[in-house]
Amino acid sequence: VVMGCAGMASHRAAIEEAIGVPVVEPAQQAVAAAIGAVLLRA
């Protein structure tokens, strides 16, 4: 399950525990990708 709004982040762990499948917080994923892109451009 993907959380469809950046404001939902604080609920990710609780949702994942309740529904029993991975839950993706998209802002974290996009920032993580940006970190990789920046470091690899060094």
Full PDB file with SEQRES, HELIX, SHEET, SSBOND, CRYST1, ORIGX, SCALE, CONECT and MASTER records, all heavy atoms in Angstrom:
SEQRES   1 A   42  VAL VAL MET GLY CYS ALA GLY MET ALA SER HIS ARG ALA          
SEQRES   2 A   42  ALA ILE GLU GLU ALA ILE GLY VAL PRO VAL VAL GLU PRO          
SEQRES   3 A   42  ALA GLN GLN ALA VAL ALA ALA ALA ILE GLY ALA VAL LEU          
SEQRES   4 A   42  LEU ARG ALA                                                  
HELIX    1 AA1 ALA A    6  HIS A   11  5                                   6    
HELIX    2 AA2 ARG A   12  ILE A   19  1                                   8    
HELIX    3 AA3 PRO A   26  LEU A   40  1                                  15    
CRYST1    1.000    1.000    1.000  90.00  90.00  90.00 P 1           1          
ORIGX1      1.000000  0.000000  0.000000        0.00000                         
ORIGX2      0.000000  1.000000  0.000000        0.00000                         
ORIGX3      0.000000  0.000000  1.000000        0.00000                         
SCALE1      1.000000  0.000000  0.000000        0.00000                         
SCALE2      0.000000  1.000000  0.000000        0.00000                         
SCALE3      0.000000  0.000000  1.000000        0.00000                         
ATOM      1  N   VAL A   1       0.842  -1.202   0.000  1.00  0.00           N  
ATOM      2  CA  VAL A   1       0.000   0.000   0.000  1.00  0.00           C  
ATOM      3  C   VAL A   1       0.870   1.242   0.000  1.00  0.00           C  
ATOM      4  O   VAL A   1       1.855   1.319   0.748  1.00  0.00           O  
ATOM      5  CB  VAL A   1      -0.951  -0.001   1.224  1.00  0.00           C  
ATOM      6  CG1 VAL A   1      -1.641   1.347   1.388  1.00  0.00           C  
ATOM      7  CG2 VAL A   1      -1.995  -1.109   1.082  1.00  0.00           C  
ATOM      8  N   VAL A   2       0.511   2.189  -0.846  1.00  0.00           N  
ATOM      9  CA  VAL A   2       1.216   3.467  -0.928  1.00  0.00           C  
ATOM     10  C   VAL A   2       0.339   4.542  -0.294  1.00  0.00           C  
ATOM     11  O   VAL A   2      -0.865   4.616  -0.573  1.00  0.00           O  
ATOM     12  CB  VAL A   2       1.520   3.847  -2.391  1.00  0.00           C  
ATOM     13  CG1 VAL A   2       2.309   5.155  -2.448  1.00  0.00           C  
ATOM     14  CG2 VAL A   2       2.284   2.738  -3.091  1.00  0.00           C  
ATOM     15  N   MET A   3       0.923   5.376   0.543  1.00  0.00           N  
ATOM     16  CA  MET A   3       0.196   6.481   1.165  1.00  0.00           C  
ATOM     17  C   MET A   3       0.101   7.616   0.155  1.00  0.00           C  
ATOM     18  O   MET A   3       1.114   8.123  -0.323  1.00  0.00           O  
ATOM     19  CB  MET A   3       0.919   6.923   2.439  1.00  0.00           C  
ATOM     20  CG  MET A   3       1.184   5.771   3.382  1.00  0.00           C  
ATOM     21  SD  MET A   3       2.168   6.238   4.822  1.00  0.00           S  
ATOM     22  CE  MET A   3       0.880   6.914   5.866  1.00  0.00           C  
ATOM     23  N   GLY A   4      -1.115   8.025  -0.175  1.00  0.00           N  
ATOM     24  CA  GLY A   4      -1.337   8.964  -1.263  1.00  0.00           C  
ATOM     25  C   GLY A   4      -1.347  10.422  -0.881  1.00  0.00           C  
ATOM     26  O   GLY A   4      -1.991  11.234  -1.554  1.00  0.00           O  
ATOM     27  N   CYS A   5      -0.625  10.783   0.162  1.00  0.00           N  
ATOM     28  CA  CYS A   5      -0.493  12.185   0.561  1.00  0.00           C  
ATOM     29  C   CYS A   5       0.722  12.302   1.469  1.00  0.00           C  
ATOM     30  O   CYS A   5       0.925  11.449   2.341  1.00  0.00           O  
ATOM     31  CB  CYS A   5      -1.741  12.671   1.293  1.00  0.00           C  
ATOM     32  SG  CYS A   5      -1.612  14.359   1.951  1.00  0.00           S  
ATOM     33  N   ALA A   6       1.507  13.360   1.277  1.00  0.00           N  
ATOM     34  CA  ALA A   6       2.713  13.534   2.083  1.00  0.00           C  
ATOM     35  C   ALA A   6       2.414  13.772   3.554  1.00  0.00           C  
ATOM     36  O   ALA A   6       3.265  13.532   4.409  1.00  0.00           O  
ATOM     37  CB  ALA A   6       3.545  14.684   1.524  1.00  0.00           C  
ATOM     38  N   GLY A   7       1.211  14.220   3.878  1.00  0.00           N  
ATOM     39  CA  GLY A   7       0.883  14.484   5.275  1.00  0.00           C  
ATOM     40  C   GLY A   7       0.621  13.248   6.105  1.00  0.00           C  
ATOM     41  O   GLY A   7       0.495  13.326   7.328  1.00  0.00           O  
ATOM     42  N   MET A   8       0.516  12.083   5.481  1.00  0.00           N  
ATOM     43  CA  MET A   8       0.162  10.849   6.181  1.00  0.00           C  
ATOM     44  C   MET A   8       1.344  10.182   6.884  1.00  0.00           C  
ATOM     45  O   MET A   8       1.182   9.146   7.522  1.00  0.00           O  
ATOM     46  CB  MET A   8      -0.436   9.843   5.200  1.00  0.00           C  
ATOM     47  CG  MET A   8      -1.717  10.267   4.534  1.00  0.00           C  
ATOM     48  SD  MET A   8      -2.259   8.997   3.335  1.00  0.00           S  
ATOM     49  CE  MET A   8      -3.739   9.762   2.662  1.00  0.00           C  
ATOM     50  N   ALA A   9       2.524  10.735   6.776  1.00  0.00           N  
ATOM     51  CA  ALA A   9       3.748  10.029   7.158  1.00  0.00           C  
ATOM     52  C   ALA A   9       3.740   9.458   8.570  1.00  0.00           C  
ATOM     53  O   ALA A   9       4.194   8.328   8.785  1.00  0.00           O  
ATOM     54  CB  ALA A   9       4.943  10.963   6.992  1.00  0.00           C  
ATOM     55  N   SER A  10       3.219  10.197   9.530  1.00  0.00           N  
ATOM     56  CA  SER A  10       3.301   9.747  10.929  1.00  0.00           C  
ATOM     57  C   SER A  10       2.467   8.500  11.199  1.00  0.00           C  
ATOM     58  O   SER A  10       2.619   7.863  12.242  1.00  0.00           O  
ATOM     59  CB  SER A  10       2.862  10.873  11.872  1.00  0.00           C  
ATOM     60  OG  SER A  10       1.497  11.212  11.657  1.00  0.00           O  
ATOM     61  N   HIS A  11       1.597   8.137  10.268  1.00  0.00           N  
ATOM     62  CA  HIS A  11       0.718   6.980  10.461  1.00  0.00           C  
ATOM     63  C   HIS A  11       1.247   5.708   9.799  1.00  0.00           C  
ATOM     64  O   HIS A  11       0.635   4.654   9.922  1.00  0.00           O  
ATOM     65  CB  HIS A  11      -0.674   7.293   9.882  1.00  0.00           C  
ATOM     66  CG  HIS A  11      -1.269   8.569  10.377  1.00  0.00           C  
ATOM     67  ND1 HIS A  11      -1.716   8.738  11.670  1.00  0.00           N  
ATOM     68  CD2 HIS A  11      -1.487   9.761   9.748  1.00  0.00           C  
ATOM     69  CE1 HIS A  11      -2.185   9.979  11.814  1.00  0.00           C  
ATOM     70  NE2 HIS A  11      -2.054  10.604  10.668  1.00  0.00           N  
ATOM     71  N   ARG A  12       2.356   5.793   9.094  1.00  0.00           N  
ATOM     72  CA  ARG A  12       2.805   4.663   8.277  1.00  0.00           C  
ATOM     73  C   ARG A  12       2.987   3.392   9.082  1.00  0.00           C  
ATOM     74  O   ARG A  12       2.461   2.326   8.717  1.00  0.00           O  
ATOM     75  CB  ARG A  12       4.111   5.006   7.550  1.00  0.00           C  
ATOM     76  CG  ARG A  12       4.488   3.982   6.474  1.00  0.00           C  
ATOM     77  CD  ARG A  12       5.968   3.996   6.150  1.00  0.00           C  
ATOM     78  NE  ARG A  12       6.765   3.572   7.299  1.00  0.00           N  
ATOM     79  CZ  ARG A  12       6.930   2.309   7.650  1.00  0.00           C  
ATOM     80  NH1 ARG A  12       6.352   1.337   6.967  1.00  0.00           N  
ATOM     81  NH2 ARG A  12       7.648   2.004   8.713  1.00  0.00           N  
ATOM     82  N   ALA A  13       3.737   3.459  10.166  1.00  0.00           N  
ATOM     83  CA  ALA A  13       4.039   2.253  10.938  1.00  0.00           C  
ATOM     84  C   ALA A  13       2.763   1.632  11.513  1.00  0.00           C  
ATOM     85  O   ALA A  13       2.612   0.398  11.504  1.00  0.00           O  
ATOM     86  CB  ALA A  13       5.023   2.578  12.056  1.00  0.00           C  
ATOM     87  N   ALA A  14       1.843   2.457  11.992  1.00  0.00           N  
ATOM     88  CA  ALA A  14       0.601   1.940  12.570  1.00  0.00           C  
ATOM     89  C   ALA A  14      -0.257   1.264  11.510  1.00  0.00           C  
ATOM     90  O   ALA A  14      -0.872   0.219  11.765  1.00  0.00           O  
ATOM     91  CB  ALA A  14      -0.180   3.075  13.231  1.00  0.00           C  
ATOM     92  N   ILE A  15      -0.320   1.850  10.324  1.00  0.00           N  
ATOM     93  CA  ILE A  15      -1.093   1.235   9.244  1.00  0.00           C  
ATOM     94  C   ILE A  15      -0.472  -0.102   8.855  1.00  0.00           C  
ATOM     95  O   ILE A  15      -1.168  -1.112   8.699  1.00  0.00           O  
ATOM     96  CB  ILE A  15      -1.169   2.171   8.025  1.00  0.00           C  
ATOM     97  CG1 ILE A  15      -1.877   3.472   8.383  1.00  0.00           C  
ATOM     98  CG2 ILE A  15      -1.910   1.482   6.874  1.00  0.00           C  
ATOM     99  CD1 ILE A  15      -1.787   4.540   7.291  1.00  0.00           C  
ATOM    100  N   GLU A  16       0.845  -0.111   8.696  1.00  0.00           N  
ATOM    101  CA  GLU A  16       1.528  -1.343   8.295  1.00  0.00           C  
ATOM    102  C   GLU A  16       1.291  -2.461   9.302  1.00  0.00           C  
ATOM    103  O   GLU A  16       1.023  -3.611   8.925  1.00  0.00           O  
ATOM    104  CB  GLU A  16       3.019  -1.064   8.130  1.00  0.00           C  
ATOM    105  CG  GLU A  16       3.810  -2.247   7.591  1.00  0.00           C  
ATOM    106  CD  GLU A  16       5.231  -1.852   7.223  1.00  0.00           C  
ATOM    107  OE1 GLU A  16       5.441  -1.364   6.102  1.00  0.00           O  
ATOM    108  OE2 GLU A  16       6.110  -2.022   8.088  1.00  0.00           O  
ATOM    109  N   GLU A  17       1.383  -2.127  10.576  1.00  0.00           N  
ATOM    110  CA  GLU A  17       1.161  -3.144  11.608  1.00  0.00           C  
ATOM    111  C   GLU A  17      -0.265  -3.665  11.574  1.00  0.00           C  
ATOM    112  O   GLU A  17      -0.514  -4.866  11.733  1.00  0.00           O  
ATOM    113  CB  GLU A  17       1.467  -2.556  12.992  1.00  0.00           C  
ATOM    114  CG  GLU A  17       1.296  -3.552  14.129  1.00  0.00           C  
ATOM    115  CD  GLU A  17       1.656  -2.973  15.479  1.00  0.00           C  
ATOM    116  OE1 GLU A  17       2.021  -1.775  15.543  1.00  0.00           O  
ATOM    117  OE2 GLU A  17       1.574  -3.709  16.471  1.00  0.00           O  
ATOM    118  N   ALA A  18      -1.220  -2.766  11.327  1.00  0.00           N  
ATOM    119  CA  ALA A  18      -2.628  -3.152  11.355  1.00  0.00           C  
ATOM    120  C   ALA A  18      -3.043  -3.994  10.158  1.00  0.00           C  
ATOM    121  O   ALA A  18      -3.882  -4.892  10.279  1.00  0.00           O  
ATOM    122  CB  ALA A  18      -3.509  -1.900  11.430  1.00  0.00           C  
ATOM    123  N   ILE A  19      -2.466  -3.726   8.973  1.00  0.00           N  
ATOM    124  CA  ILE A  19      -2.953  -4.408   7.770  1.00  0.00           C  
ATOM    125  C   ILE A  19      -2.056  -5.550   7.324  1.00  0.00           C  
ATOM    126  O   ILE A  19      -2.447  -6.355   6.477  1.00  0.00           O  
ATOM    127  CB  ILE A  19      -3.181  -3.417   6.617  1.00  0.00           C  
ATOM    128  CG1 ILE A  19      -1.861  -2.844   6.090  1.00  0.00           C  
ATOM    129  CG2 ILE A  19      -4.113  -2.291   7.059  1.00  0.00           C  
ATOM    130  CD1 ILE A  19      -2.045  -1.918   4.883  1.00  0.00           C  
ATOM    131  N   GLY A  20      -0.843  -5.624   7.856  1.00  0.00           N  
ATOM    132  CA  GLY A  20      -0.003  -6.784   7.619  1.00  0.00           C  
ATOM    133  C   GLY A  20       0.689  -6.859   6.273  1.00  0.00           C  
ATOM    134  O   GLY A  20       1.154  -7.938   5.877  1.00  0.00           O  
ATOM    135  N   VAL A  21       0.761  -5.736   5.554  1.00  0.00           N  
ATOM    136  CA  VAL A  21       1.524  -5.690   4.305  1.00  0.00           C  
ATOM    137  C   VAL A  21       2.398  -4.437   4.338  1.00  0.00           C  
ATOM    138  O   VAL A  21       2.135  -3.508   5.108  1.00  0.00           O  
ATOM    139  CB  VAL A  21       0.608  -5.666   3.051  1.00  0.00           C  
ATOM    140  CG1 VAL A  21      -0.318  -6.875   3.032  1.00  0.00           C  
ATOM    141  CG2 VAL A  21      -0.173  -4.370   2.954  1.00  0.00           C  
ATOM    142  N   PRO A  22       3.436  -4.363   3.487  1.00  0.00           N  
ATOM    143  CA  PRO A  22       4.284  -3.171   3.482  1.00  0.00           C  
ATOM    144  C   PRO A  22       3.506  -1.914   3.108  1.00  0.00           C  
ATOM    145  O   PRO A  22       2.635  -1.942   2.235  1.00  0.00           O  
ATOM    146  CB  PRO A  22       5.336  -3.494   2.416  1.00  0.00           C  
ATOM    147  CG  PRO A  22       5.346  -4.975   2.302  1.00  0.00           C  
ATOM    148  CD  PRO A  22       3.936  -5.408   2.569  1.00  0.00           C  
ATOM    149  N   VAL A  23       3.822  -0.825   3.778  1.00  0.00           N  
ATOM    150  CA  VAL A  23       3.218   0.474   3.498  1.00  0.00           C  
ATOM    151  C   VAL A  23       4.338   1.450   3.142  1.00  0.00           C  
ATOM    152  O   VAL A  23       5.295   1.610   3.897  1.00  0.00           O  
ATOM    153  CB  VAL A  23       2.403   1.002   4.703  1.00  0.00           C  
ATOM    154  CG1 VAL A  23       1.872   2.403   4.418  1.00  0.00           C  
ATOM    155  CG2 VAL A  23       1.241   0.052   5.017  1.00  0.00           C  
ATOM    156  N   VAL A  24       4.208   2.099   1.997  1.00  0.00           N  
ATOM    157  CA  VAL A  24       5.233   2.991   1.476  1.00  0.00           C  
ATOM    158  C   VAL A  24       4.870   4.439   1.771  1.00  0.00           C  
ATOM    159  O   VAL A  24       3.759   4.882   1.456  1.00  0.00           O  
ATOM    160  CB  VAL A  24       5.391   2.809  -0.047  1.00  0.00           C  
ATOM    161  CG1 VAL A  24       6.355   3.836  -0.620  1.00  0.00           C  
ATOM    162  CG2 VAL A  24       5.860   1.389  -0.363  1.00  0.00           C  
ATOM    163  N   GLU A  25       5.798   5.169   2.396  1.00  0.00           N  
ATOM    164  CA  GLU A  25       5.633   6.609   2.603  1.00  0.00           C  
ATOM    165  C   GLU A  25       6.385   7.300   1.465  1.00  0.00           C  
ATOM    166  O   GLU A  25       7.610   7.246   1.411  1.00  0.00           O  
ATOM    167  CB  GLU A  25       6.181   7.006   3.969  1.00  0.00           C  
ATOM    168  CG  GLU A  25       5.654   8.343   4.487  1.00  0.00           C  
ATOM    169  CD  GLU A  25       6.065   9.523   3.619  1.00  0.00           C  
ATOM    170  OE1 GLU A  25       7.280   9.748   3.457  1.00  0.00           O  
ATOM    171  OE2 GLU A  25       5.161  10.207   3.085  1.00  0.00           O  
ATOM    172  N   PRO A  26       5.700   7.941   0.520  1.00  0.00           N  
ATOM    173  CA  PRO A  26       6.343   8.353  -0.724  1.00  0.00           C  
ATOM    174  C   PRO A  26       7.330   9.503  -0.598  1.00  0.00           C  
ATOM    175  O   PRO A  26       8.286   9.573  -1.382  1.00  0.00           O  
ATOM    176  CB  PRO A  26       5.166   8.730  -1.622  1.00  0.00           C  
ATOM    177  CG  PRO A  26       4.077   9.130  -0.671  1.00  0.00           C  
ATOM    178  CD  PRO A  26       4.255   8.225   0.511  1.00  0.00           C  
ATOM    179  N   ALA A  27       7.130  10.422   0.345  1.00  0.00           N  
ATOM    180  CA  ALA A  27       8.083  11.522   0.488  1.00  0.00           C  
ATOM    181  C   ALA A  27       9.450  10.991   0.902  1.00  0.00           C  
ATOM    182  O   ALA A  27      10.489  11.453   0.417  1.00  0.00           O  
ATOM    183  CB  ALA A  27       7.577  12.548   1.495  1.00  0.00           C  
ATOM    184  N   GLN A  28       9.462  10.017   1.790  1.00  0.00           N  
ATOM    185  CA  GLN A  28      10.734   9.417   2.193  1.00  0.00           C  
ATOM    186  C   GLN A  28      11.432   8.774   1.001  1.00  0.00           C  
ATOM    187  O   GLN A  28      12.651   8.908   0.831  1.00  0.00           O  
ATOM    188  CB  GLN A  28      10.488   8.367   3.281  1.00  0.00           C  
ATOM    189  CG  GLN A  28      10.006   8.951   4.593  1.00  0.00           C  
ATOM    190  CD  GLN A  28       9.606   7.877   5.588  1.00  0.00           C  
ATOM    191  OE1 GLN A  28       9.266   6.753   5.211  1.00  0.00           O  
ATOM    192  NE2 GLN A  28       9.639   8.208   6.866  1.00  0.00           N  
ATOM    193  N   GLN A  29      10.666   8.082   0.168  1.00  0.00           N  
ATOM    194  CA  GLN A  29      11.259   7.401  -0.981  1.00  0.00           C  
ATOM    195  C   GLN A  29      11.826   8.402  -1.983  1.00  0.00           C  
ATOM    196  O   GLN A  29      12.908   8.193  -2.552  1.00  0.00           O  
ATOM    197  CB  GLN A  29      10.219   6.496  -1.654  1.00  0.00           C  
ATOM    198  CG  GLN A  29       9.644   5.427  -0.748  1.00  0.00           C  
ATOM    199  CD  GLN A  29      10.700   4.519  -0.148  1.00  0.00           C  
ATOM    200  OE1 GLN A  29      11.683   4.177  -0.827  1.00  0.00           O  
ATOM    201  NE2 GLN A  29      10.526   4.125   1.102  1.00  0.00           N  
ATOM    202  N   ALA A  30      11.097   9.499  -2.218  1.00  0.00           N  
ATOM    203  CA  ALA A  30      11.575  10.504  -3.172  1.00  0.00           C  
ATOM    204  C   ALA A  30      12.819  11.209  -2.664  1.00  0.00           C  
ATOM    205  O   ALA A  30      13.755  11.474  -3.430  1.00  0.00           O  
ATOM    206  CB  ALA A  30      10.465  11.514  -3.460  1.00  0.00           C  
ATOM    207  N   VAL A  31      12.854  11.529  -1.380  1.00  0.00           N  
ATOM    208  CA  VAL A  31      14.035  12.174  -0.812  1.00  0.00           C  
ATOM    209  C   VAL A  31      15.220  11.215  -0.831  1.00  0.00           C  
ATOM    210  O   VAL A  31      16.355  11.614  -1.150  1.00  0.00           O  
ATOM    211  CB  VAL A  31      13.753  12.705   0.602  1.00  0.00           C  
ATOM    212  CG1 VAL A  31      15.040  13.179   1.278  1.00  0.00           C  
ATOM    213  CG2 VAL A  31      12.740  13.848   0.557  1.00  0.00           C  
ATOM    214  N   ALA A  32      14.980   9.954  -0.517  1.00  0.00           N  
ATOM    215  CA  ALA A  32      16.061   8.958  -0.570  1.00  0.00           C  
ATOM    216  C   ALA A  32      16.633   8.872  -1.986  1.00  0.00           C  
ATOM    217  O   ALA A  32      17.858   8.789  -2.184  1.00  0.00           O  
ATOM    218  CB  ALA A  32      15.559   7.598  -0.115  1.00  0.00           C  
ATOM    219  N   ALA A  33      15.758   8.900  -2.984  1.00  0.00           N  
ATOM    220  CA  ALA A  33      16.214   8.864  -4.373  1.00  0.00           C  
ATOM    221  C   ALA A  33      17.006  10.126  -4.719  1.00  0.00           C  
ATOM    222  O   ALA A  33      18.015  10.068  -5.441  1.00  0.00           O  
ATOM    223  CB  ALA A  33      15.022   8.722  -5.313  1.00  0.00           C  
ATOM    224  N   ALA A  34      16.565  11.264  -4.196  1.00  0.00           N  
ATOM    225  CA  ALA A  34      17.276  12.518  -4.446  1.00  0.00           C  
ATOM    226  C   ALA A  34      18.670  12.492  -3.819  1.00  0.00           C  
ATOM    227  O   ALA A  34      19.645  12.984  -4.413  1.00  0.00           O  
ATOM    228  CB  ALA A  34      16.478  13.704  -3.911  1.00  0.00           C  
ATOM    229  N   ILE A  35      18.774  11.924  -2.635  1.00  0.00           N  
ATOM    230  CA  ILE A  35      20.091  11.796  -1.985  1.00  0.00           C  
ATOM    231  C   ILE A  35      21.019  10.976  -2.877  1.00  0.00           C  
ATOM    232  O   ILE A  35      22.175  11.360  -3.132  1.00  0.00           O  
ATOM    233  CB  ILE A  35      19.959  11.148  -0.595  1.00  0.00           C  
ATOM    234  CG1 ILE A  35      19.230  12.083   0.363  1.00  0.00           C  
ATOM    235  CG2 ILE A  35      21.347  10.787  -0.041  1.00  0.00           C  
ATOM    236  CD1 ILE A  35      18.860  11.429   1.689  1.00  0.00           C  
ATOM    237  N   GLY A  36      20.535   9.848  -3.357  1.00  0.00           N  
ATOM    238  CA  GLY A  36      21.355   9.023  -4.228  1.00  0.00           C  
ATOM    239  C   GLY A  36      21.777   9.759  -5.489  1.00  0.00           C  
ATOM    240  O   GLY A  36      22.936   9.687  -5.904  1.00  0.00           O  
ATOM    241  N   ALA A  37      20.821  10.496  -6.076  1.00  0.00           N  
ATOM    242  CA  ALA A  37      21.143  11.229  -7.309  1.00  0.00           C  
ATOM    243  C   ALA A  37      22.199  12.298  -7.054  1.00  0.00           C  
ATOM    244  O   ALA A  37      23.113  12.485  -7.861  1.00  0.00           O  
ATOM    245  CB  ALA A  37      19.873  11.866  -7.864  1.00  0.00           C  
ATOM    246  N   VAL A  38      22.097  12.997  -5.932  1.00  0.00           N  
ATOM    247  CA  VAL A  38      23.048  14.047  -5.609  1.00  0.00           C  
ATOM    248  C   VAL A  38      24.434  13.468  -5.338  1.00  0.00           C  
ATOM    249  O   VAL A  38      25.452  13.950  -5.845  1.00  0.00           O  
ATOM    250  CB  VAL A  38      22.559  14.888  -4.411  1.00  0.00           C  
ATOM    251  CG1 VAL A  38      23.660  15.786  -3.871  1.00  0.00           C  
ATOM    252  CG2 VAL A  38      21.355  15.724  -4.813  1.00  0.00           C  
ATOM    253  N   LEU A  39      24.498  12.420  -4.530  1.00  0.00           N  
ATOM    254  CA  LEU A  39      25.796  11.843  -4.185  1.00  0.00           C  
ATOM    255  C   LEU A  39      26.476  11.211  -5.388  1.00  0.00           C  
ATOM    256  O   LEU A  39      27.702  11.261  -5.533  1.00  0.00           O  
ATOM    257  CB  LEU A  39      25.621  10.805  -3.062  1.00  0.00           C  
ATOM    258  CG  LEU A  39      25.168  11.372  -1.708  1.00  0.00           C  
ATOM    259  CD1 LEU A  39      25.036  10.240  -0.697  1.00  0.00           C  
ATOM    260  CD2 LEU A  39      26.132  12.439  -1.201  1.00  0.00           C  
ATOM    261  N   LEU A  40      25.700  10.603  -6.263  1.00  0.00           N  
ATOM    262  CA  LEU A  40      26.283   9.950  -7.422  1.00  0.00           C  
ATOM    263  C   LEU A  40      26.713  10.925  -8.505  1.00  0.00           C  
ATOM    264  O   LEU A  40      27.446  10.562  -9.425  1.00  0.00           O  
ATOM    265  CB  LEU A  40      25.299   8.913  -7.991  1.00  0.00           C  
ATOM    266  CG  LEU A  40      25.075   7.704  -7.096  1.00  0.00           C  
ATOM    267  CD1 LEU A  40      23.957   6.826  -7.643  1.00  0.00           C  
ATOM    268  CD2 LEU A  40      26.365   6.881  -6.940  1.00  0.00           C  
ATOM    269  N   ARG A  41      26.249  12.173  -8.379  1.00  0.00           N  
ATOM    270  CA  ARG A  41      26.693  13.218  -9.311  1.00  0.00           C  
ATOM    271  C   ARG A  41      27.966  13.897  -8.841  1.00  0.00           C  
ATOM    272  O   ARG A  41      28.495  14.766  -9.514  1.00  0.00           O  
ATOM    273  CB  ARG A  41      25.588  14.274  -9.475  1.00  0.00           C  
ATOM    274  CG  ARG A  41      24.428  13.817 -10.325  1.00  0.00           C  
ATOM    275  CD  ARG A  41      23.231  14.730 -10.135  1.00  0.00           C  
ATOM    276  NE  ARG A  41      23.503  16.114 -10.478  1.00  0.00           N  
ATOM    277  CZ  ARG A  41      23.217  16.657 -11.660  1.00  0.00           C  
ATOM    278  NH1 ARG A  41      22.677  15.925 -12.606  1.00  0.00           N  
ATOM    279  NH2 ARG A  41      23.479  17.926 -11.900  1.00  0.00           N  
ATOM    280  N   ALA A  42      28.435  13.513  -7.649  1.00  0.00           N  
ATOM    281  CA  ALA A  42      29.616  14.163  -7.065  1.00  0.00           C  
ATOM    282  C   ALA A  42      30.840  14.012  -7.961  1.00  0.00           C  
ATOM    283  O   ALA A  42      31.022  12.985  -8.593  1.00  0.00           O  
ATOM    284  CB  ALA A  42      29.894  13.564  -5.686  1.00  0.00           C  
TER     285      ALA A  42                                                      
MASTER        0    0    0    3    0    0    0    6  284    1    0    4          
END                                                                             
